[in-house]
Amino acid sequence: MHPTKRLVGVASALLLAVALAGCSTTGSGALAQTVGAPATVPGGGSAGSGGSGGPGAVGLTDADGYIPDGTSLPLESDRPAVAHLDPDLLAALRHAQSAMRQEGAGSAITIADGWRSERYQEHLFAQAVKQYGSEEEAEKWVKRGSDSAHVRGEAVDIADAGAMDYLNRFGAEWGLCQVYANEAWHFELRTAPGGTCPAQSLDGRG
């Protein structure tokens, strides 16, 4: 789509961004409160920062792709959560960011979660089982270990509400698609640039 055509939707996109402004710099767990998901999303940036059972308690570090709750990383970061992303995914996100800036729709795309180690993912799944009471419920939000696209570097959770909305509207131009209906922040490369995104799965169970 030509940039001038995209501008038709930018005004309404900005309205949503204003509505979600309180979440613009938080992890996906805080954003979930706004869009109707549980108050804490174990698979997002809300796993905790060192309380009982939190990432700090099990020794997770930057090397695991851990991004502390309430913080996010720019696409230009050299930290593992960004640096270990699939190169094609990272390039697509950077192209989308450039277009977003040129159109005045936002200044940056930041991520609350990107690449994660398998150890980190297993920790998140265990925390989700504790929170939701069963593996079946946990699987709606968190994949097990290497089943997660995050562990393969093939997924990101967008931290900024305005950027999230922009990608929901126009991300397919770079192959970027929202994958799960219950996770408005989770994006993967799911189509060829300019193609049509596949239908979203209801939740993480597919």
C-alpha atoms as a PDB file:
ATOM      1  CA  MET A   1       0.000   0.000   0.000  1.00  0.00           C
ATOM      2  CA  HIS A   2       1.270   3.470  -0.831  1.00  0.00           C
ATOM      3  CA  PRO A   3       2.154   5.576   2.263  1.00  0.00           C
ATOM      4  CA  THR A   4      -0.466   8.208   1.460  1.00  0.00           C
ATOM      5  CA  LYS A   5      -3.186   5.551   1.503  1.00  0.00           C
ATOM      6  CA  ARG A   6      -2.019   4.327   4.892  1.00  0.00           C
ATOM      7  CA  LEU A   7      -2.477   7.803   6.307  1.00  0.00           C
ATOM      8  CA  VAL A   8      -6.258   7.343   6.060  1.00  0.00           C
ATOM      9  CA  GLY A   9      -6.065   4.932   8.972  1.00  0.00           C
ATOM     10  CA  VAL A  10      -3.442   6.755  10.982  1.00  0.00           C
ATOM     11  CA  ALA A  11      -5.885   9.151  12.660  1.00  0.00           C
ATOM     12  CA  SER A  12      -7.958   6.329  14.105  1.00  0.00           C
ATOM     13  CA  ALA A  13      -4.768   4.474  15.000  1.00  0.00           C
ATOM     14  CA  LEU A  14      -3.620   7.470  17.001  1.00  0.00           C
ATOM     15  CA  LEU A  15      -6.933   7.559  18.848  1.00  0.00           C
ATOM     16  CA  LEU A  16      -6.297   4.018  20.055  1.00  0.00           C
ATOM     17  CA  ALA A  17      -2.747   4.958  20.961  1.00  0.00           C
ATOM     18  CA  VAL A  18      -4.077   7.794  23.108  1.00  0.00           C
ATOM     19  CA  ALA A  19      -6.536   5.433  24.764  1.00  0.00           C
ATOM     20  CA  LEU A  20      -3.717   3.039  25.587  1.00  0.00           C
ATOM     21  CA  ALA A  21      -1.154   5.707  26.375  1.00  0.00           C
ATOM     22  CA  GLY A  22      -0.753   4.483  29.918  1.00  0.00           C
ATOM     23  CA  CYS A  23       0.672   1.248  28.522  1.00  0.00           C
ATOM     24  CA  SER A  24       3.010   2.750  25.955  1.00  0.00           C
ATOM     25  CA  THR A  25       6.211   1.941  27.802  1.00  0.00           C
ATOM     26  CA  THR A  26       5.209  -1.158  29.704  1.00  0.00           C
ATOM     27  CA  GLY A  27       5.511  -4.837  28.970  1.00  0.00           C
ATOM     28  CA  SER A  28       2.724  -6.844  27.386  1.00  0.00           C
ATOM     29  CA  GLY A  29       1.347  -7.871  30.787  1.00  0.00           C
ATOM     30  CA  ALA A  30       0.270  -4.309  31.602  1.00  0.00           C
ATOM     31  CA  LEU A  31      -1.090  -3.885  28.113  1.00  0.00           C
ATOM     32  CA  ALA A  32      -3.146  -7.014  28.587  1.00  0.00           C
ATOM     33  CA  GLN A  33      -5.097  -5.264  31.322  1.00  0.00           C
ATOM     34  CA  THR A  34      -6.268  -2.709  28.782  1.00  0.00           C
ATOM     35  CA  VAL A  35      -7.194  -5.113  25.999  1.00  0.00           C
ATOM     36  CA  GLY A  36      -9.006  -7.606  28.210  1.00  0.00           C
ATOM     37  CA  ALA A  37      -6.424 -10.316  28.876  1.00  0.00           C
ATOM     38  CA  PRO A  38      -5.480 -11.446  32.388  1.00  0.00           C
ATOM     39  CA  ALA A  39      -3.695  -8.859  34.518  1.00  0.00           C
ATOM     40  CA  THR A  40      -0.426 -10.760  34.194  1.00  0.00           C
ATOM     41  CA  VAL A  41       0.617 -12.470  30.986  1.00  0.00           C
ATOM     42  CA  PRO A  42       3.333 -14.954  31.882  1.00  0.00           C
ATOM     43  CA  GLY A  43       4.605 -15.060  28.327  1.00  0.00           C
ATOM     44  CA  GLY A  44       5.093 -11.330  28.181  1.00  0.00           C
ATOM     45  CA  GLY A  45       7.212  -8.779  29.981  1.00  0.00           C
ATOM     46  CA  SER A  46       5.348  -9.239  33.227  1.00  0.00           C
ATOM     47  CA  ALA A  47       7.009 -12.324  34.657  1.00  0.00           C
ATOM     48  CA  GLY A  48       8.484 -10.289  37.500  1.00  0.00           C
ATOM     49  CA  SER A  49      11.905  -9.009  38.348  1.00  0.00           C
ATOM     50  CA  GLY A  50      13.118 -11.005  41.271  1.00  0.00           C
ATOM     51  CA  GLY A  51      10.223 -11.677  43.641  1.00  0.00           C
ATOM     52  CA  SER A  52       9.357 -15.167  44.754  1.00  0.00           C
ATOM     53  CA  GLY A  53       9.560 -17.355  41.683  1.00  0.00           C
ATOM     54  CA  GLY A  54      10.352 -14.416  39.388  1.00  0.00           C
ATOM     55  CA  PRO A  55      13.174 -14.377  36.816  1.00  0.00           C
ATOM     56  CA  GLY A  56      15.673 -12.944  39.290  1.00  0.00           C
ATOM     57  CA  ALA A  57      14.954 -15.818  41.678  1.00  0.00           C
ATOM     58  CA  VAL A  58      15.952 -18.432  39.090  1.00  0.00           C
ATOM     59  CA  GLY A  59      18.992 -16.571  37.801  1.00  0.00           C
ATOM     60  CA  LEU A  60      17.638 -15.411  34.445  1.00  0.00           C
ATOM     61  CA  THR A  61      19.739 -12.659  32.928  1.00  0.00           C
ATOM     62  CA  ASP A  62      20.190 -10.551  29.833  1.00  0.00           C
ATOM     63  CA  ALA A  63      21.856 -13.581  28.232  1.00  0.00           C
ATOM     64  CA  ASP A  64      18.490 -15.404  28.411  1.00  0.00           C
ATOM     65  CA  GLY A  65      16.744 -12.562  26.604  1.00  0.00           C
ATOM     66  CA  TYR A  66      15.214 -11.352  29.845  1.00  0.00           C
ATOM     67  CA  ILE A  67      13.776  -7.826  29.639  1.00  0.00           C
ATOM     68  CA  PRO A  68      12.665  -6.524  33.056  1.00  0.00           C
ATOM     69  CA  ASP A  69       8.978  -5.784  33.484  1.00  0.00           C
ATOM     70  CA  GLY A  70       8.125  -2.166  32.723  1.00  0.00           C
ATOM     71  CA  THR A  71      11.009  -1.753  30.292  1.00  0.00           C
ATOM     72  CA  SER A  72      11.450  -2.304  26.571  1.00  0.00           C
ATOM     73  CA  LEU A  73      14.196  -2.374  23.958  1.00  0.00           C
ATOM     74  CA  PRO A  74      14.584  -0.437  20.697  1.00  0.00           C
ATOM     75  CA  LEU A  75      15.117  -2.336  17.474  1.00  0.00           C
ATOM     76  CA  GLU A  76      18.648  -0.965  17.368  1.00  0.00           C
ATOM     77  CA  SER A  77      19.629  -2.643  20.650  1.00  0.00           C
ATOM     78  CA  ASP A  78      22.544  -5.094  20.677  1.00  0.00           C
ATOM     79  CA  ARG A  79      21.171  -6.988  23.669  1.00  0.00           C
ATOM     80  CA  PRO A  80      20.393 -10.691  23.097  1.00  0.00           C
ATOM     81  CA  ALA A  81      16.600 -10.267  23.107  1.00  0.00           C
ATOM     82  CA  VAL A  82      16.980  -8.210  19.925  1.00  0.00           C
ATOM     83  CA  ALA A  83      20.332  -9.372  18.537  1.00  0.00           C
ATOM     84  CA  HIS A  84      19.227 -13.044  18.456  1.00  0.00           C
ATOM     85  CA  LEU A  85      16.036 -12.345  16.496  1.00  0.00           C
ATOM     86  CA  ASP A  86      15.672 -13.878  13.060  1.00  0.00           C
ATOM     87  CA  PRO A  87      17.382 -11.395  10.671  1.00  0.00           C
ATOM     88  CA  ASP A  88      14.388 -11.289   8.337  1.00  0.00           C
ATOM     89  CA  LEU A  89      12.014 -10.515  11.206  1.00  0.00           C
ATOM     90  CA  LEU A  90      14.272  -7.779  12.528  1.00  0.00           C
ATOM     91  CA  ALA A  91      14.688  -6.266   9.051  1.00  0.00           C
ATOM     92  CA  ALA A  92      10.911  -6.259   8.517  1.00  0.00           C
ATOM     93  CA  LEU A  93      10.363  -4.505  11.842  1.00  0.00           C
ATOM     94  CA  ARG A  94      12.980  -1.884  11.012  1.00  0.00           C
ATOM     95  CA  HIS A  95      11.405  -1.218   7.597  1.00  0.00           C
ATOM     96  CA  ALA A  96       8.014  -0.838   9.276  1.00  0.00           C
ATOM     97  CA  GLN A  97       9.524   1.535  11.828  1.00  0.00           C
ATOM     98  CA  SER A  98      11.036   3.663   9.071  1.00  0.00           C
ATOM     99  CA  ALA A  99       7.690   3.917   7.299  1.00  0.00           C
ATOM    100  CA  MET A 100       5.892   4.707  10.541  1.00  0.00           C
ATOM    101  CA  ARG A 101       8.296   7.567  11.216  1.00  0.00           C
ATOM    102  CA  GLN A 102       8.034   8.955   7.702  1.00  0.00           C
ATOM    103  CA  GLU A 103       4.264   9.038   7.981  1.00  0.00           C
ATOM    104  CA  GLY A 104       4.287  10.701  11.386  1.00  0.00           C
ATOM    105  CA  ALA A 105       2.480   7.742  12.924  1.00  0.00           C
ATOM    106  CA  GLY A 106       5.060   7.204  15.666  1.00  0.00           C
ATOM    107  CA  SER A 107       8.709   7.540  16.499  1.00  0.00           C
ATOM    108  CA  ALA A 108       9.800   3.992  17.301  1.00  0.00           C
ATOM    109  CA  ILE A 109       8.855   0.343  17.588  1.00  0.00           C
ATOM    110  CA  THR A 110      10.042  -1.078  20.886  1.00  0.00           C
ATOM    111  CA  ILE A 111       9.710  -4.618  22.168  1.00  0.00           C
ATOM    112  CA  ALA A 112       8.760  -5.959  25.576  1.00  0.00           C
ATOM    113  CA  ASP A 113       9.888  -9.453  24.582  1.00  0.00           C
ATOM    114  CA  GLY A 114      11.925 -10.845  21.700  1.00  0.00           C
ATOM    115  CA  TRP A 115      14.263 -13.823  21.610  1.00  0.00           C
ATOM    116  CA  ARG A 116      14.258 -15.951  24.772  1.00  0.00           C
ATOM    117  CA  SER A 117      16.405 -18.860  25.865  1.00  0.00           C
ATOM    118  CA  GLU A 118      14.663 -22.202  26.215  1.00  0.00           C
ATOM    119  CA  ARG A 119      15.382 -22.052  29.946  1.00  0.00           C
ATOM    120  CA  TYR A 120      13.551 -18.728  30.192  1.00  0.00           C
ATOM    121  CA  GLN A 121      10.610 -20.095  28.207  1.00  0.00           C
ATOM    122  CA  GLU A 122      10.337 -23.150  30.448  1.00  0.00           C
ATOM    123  CA  HIS A 123      10.328 -20.864  33.481  1.00  0.00           C
ATOM    124  CA  LEU A 124       7.519 -18.784  31.974  1.00  0.00           C
ATOM    125  CA  PHE A 125       5.464 -21.894  31.272  1.00  0.00           C
ATOM    126  CA  ALA A 126       5.926 -23.145  34.843  1.00  0.00           C
ATOM    127  CA  GLN A 127       4.840 -19.739  36.158  1.00  0.00           C
ATOM    128  CA  ALA A 128       1.782 -19.817  33.894  1.00  0.00           C
ATOM    129  CA  VAL A 129       0.761 -23.234  35.226  1.00  0.00           C
ATOM    130  CA  LYS A 130       0.955 -21.850  38.778  1.00  0.00           C
ATOM    131  CA  GLN A 131      -1.064 -18.785  37.821  1.00  0.00           C
ATOM    132  CA  TYR A 132      -3.823 -20.471  35.818  1.00  0.00           C
ATOM    133  CA  GLY A 133      -3.988 -23.759  37.704  1.00  0.00           C
ATOM    134  CA  SER A 134      -3.451 -26.176  34.837  1.00  0.00           C
ATOM    135  CA  GLU A 135      -1.238 -26.811  31.845  1.00  0.00           C
ATOM    136  CA  GLU A 136      -4.249 -26.560  29.547  1.00  0.00           C
ATOM    137  CA  GLU A 137      -5.036 -23.024  30.682  1.00  0.00           C
ATOM    138  CA  ALA A 138      -1.374 -22.040  30.687  1.00  0.00           C
ATOM    139  CA  GLU A 139      -1.015 -23.111  27.060  1.00  0.00           C
ATOM    140  CA  LYS A 140      -3.476 -20.406  26.037  1.00  0.00           C
ATOM    141  CA  TRP A 141      -0.761 -17.860  26.856  1.00  0.00           C
ATOM    142  CA  VAL A 142       2.646 -19.543  26.916  1.00  0.00           C
ATOM    143  CA  LYS A 143       4.273 -22.172  24.720  1.00  0.00           C
ATOM    144  CA  ARG A 144       6.491 -24.866  26.183  1.00  0.00           C
ATOM    145  CA  GLY A 145      10.229 -24.530  25.679  1.00  0.00           C
ATOM    146  CA  SER A 146      11.368 -24.898  22.098  1.00  0.00           C
ATOM    147  CA  ASP A 147       7.760 -24.887  20.854  1.00  0.00           C
ATOM    148  CA  SER A 148       7.826 -21.115  21.300  1.00  0.00           C
ATOM    149  CA  ALA A 149       8.573 -18.865  18.339  1.00  0.00           C
ATOM    150  CA  HIS A 150      10.348 -16.609  20.837  1.00  0.00           C
ATOM    151  CA  VAL A 151      12.944 -19.325  21.498  1.00  0.00           C
ATOM    152  CA  ARG A 152      13.554 -19.594  17.736  1.00  0.00           C
ATOM    153  CA  GLY A 153      13.883 -15.805  17.494  1.00  0.00           C
ATOM    154  CA  GLU A 154      10.813 -15.668  15.270  1.00  0.00           C
ATOM    155  CA  ALA A 155       8.470 -13.558  17.414  1.00  0.00           C
ATOM    156  CA  VAL A 156       8.310 -10.225  19.190  1.00  0.00           C
ATOM    157  CA  ASP A 157       5.915  -8.681  21.674  1.00  0.00           C
ATOM    158  CA  ILE A 158       5.458  -4.997  20.872  1.00  0.00           C
ATOM    159  CA  ALA A 159       5.673  -2.663  23.870  1.00  0.00           C
ATOM    160  CA  ASP A 160       4.245   0.558  22.441  1.00  0.00           C
ATOM    161  CA  ALA A 161       0.486   0.783  21.891  1.00  0.00           C
ATOM    162  CA  GLY A 162       0.724   3.097  18.887  1.00  0.00           C
ATOM    163  CA  ALA A 163       3.289   0.884  17.144  1.00  0.00           C
ATOM    164  CA  MET A 164       1.204  -2.177  17.919  1.00  0.00           C
ATOM    165  CA  ASP A 165      -1.837  -0.635  16.303  1.00  0.00           C
ATOM    166  CA  TYR A 166       0.206   0.466  13.294  1.00  0.00           C
ATOM    167  CA  LEU A 167       1.474  -3.068  12.761  1.00  0.00           C
ATOM    168  CA  ASN A 168      -1.995  -4.521  13.212  1.00  0.00           C
ATOM    169  CA  ARG A 169      -3.166  -2.261  10.380  1.00  0.00           C
ATOM    170  CA  PHE A 170      -0.215  -2.244   8.017  1.00  0.00           C
ATOM    171  CA  GLY A 171       2.282  -4.875   9.145  1.00  0.00           C
ATOM    172  CA  ALA A 172       1.401  -7.259   6.303  1.00  0.00           C
ATOM    173  CA  GLU A 173       3.190  -4.887   3.926  1.00  0.00           C
ATOM    174  CA  TRP A 174       6.399  -6.252   5.457  1.00  0.00           C
ATOM    175  CA  GLY A 175       5.026  -9.738   6.196  1.00  0.00           C
ATOM    176  CA  LEU A 176       4.321  -8.948   9.861  1.00  0.00           C
ATOM    177  CA  CYS A 177       1.162 -10.443  11.315  1.00  0.00           C
ATOM    178  CA  GLN A 178      -0.608 -10.658  14.660  1.00  0.00           C
ATOM    179  CA  VAL A 179      -0.726 -14.391  15.333  1.00  0.00           C
ATOM    180  CA  TYR A 180      -3.075 -14.862  18.302  1.00  0.00           C
ATOM    181  CA  ALA A 181      -6.433 -13.180  18.789  1.00  0.00           C
ATOM    182  CA  ASN A 182      -5.791 -12.929  22.542  1.00  0.00           C
ATOM    183  CA  GLU A 183      -2.337 -11.319  22.122  1.00  0.00           C
ATOM    184  CA  ALA A 184      -2.556  -8.045  20.212  1.00  0.00           C
ATOM    185  CA  TRP A 185       1.144  -7.448  20.927  1.00  0.00           C
ATOM    186  CA  HIS A 186       2.580 -10.693  19.457  1.00  0.00           C
ATOM    187  CA  PHE A 187       3.904 -10.490  15.876  1.00  0.00           C
ATOM    188  CA  GLU A 188       5.671 -12.924  13.579  1.00  0.00           C
ATOM    189  CA  LEU A 189       6.527 -13.089   9.883  1.00  0.00           C
ATOM    190  CA  ARG A 190       3.537 -15.019   8.536  1.00  0.00           C
ATOM    191  CA  THR A 191       3.130 -13.834   4.933  1.00  0.00           C
ATOM    192  CA  ALA A 192       5.181 -12.532   2.032  1.00  0.00           C
ATOM    193  CA  PRO A 193       5.619  -8.736   2.053  1.00  0.00           C
ATOM    194  CA  GLY A 194       2.424  -7.215   0.724  1.00  0.00           C
ATOM    195  CA  GLY A 195       0.526 -10.462   1.208  1.00  0.00           C
ATOM    196  CA  THR A 196      -2.447 -11.302   3.387  1.00  0.00           C
ATOM    197  CA  CYS A 197      -1.999 -12.424   6.964  1.00  0.00           C
ATOM    198  CA  PRO A 198      -3.530 -15.809   7.806  1.00  0.00           C
ATOM    199  CA  ALA A 199      -6.478 -16.003  10.157  1.00  0.00           C
ATOM    200  CA  GLN A 200      -5.444 -15.545  13.768  1.00  0.00           C
ATOM    201  CA  SER A 201      -5.472 -18.463  16.150  1.00  0.00           C
ATOM    202  CA  LEU A 202      -7.842 -18.063  19.076  1.00  0.00           C
ATOM    203  CA  ASP A 203      -4.957 -18.432  21.548  1.00  0.00           C
ATOM    204  CA  GLY A 204      -1.565 -20.047  21.994  1.00  0.00           C
ATOM    205  CA  ARG A 205      -2.975 -23.542  21.621  1.00  0.00           C
ATOM    206  CA  GLY A 206      -3.394 -22.844  17.889  1.00  0.00           C
END
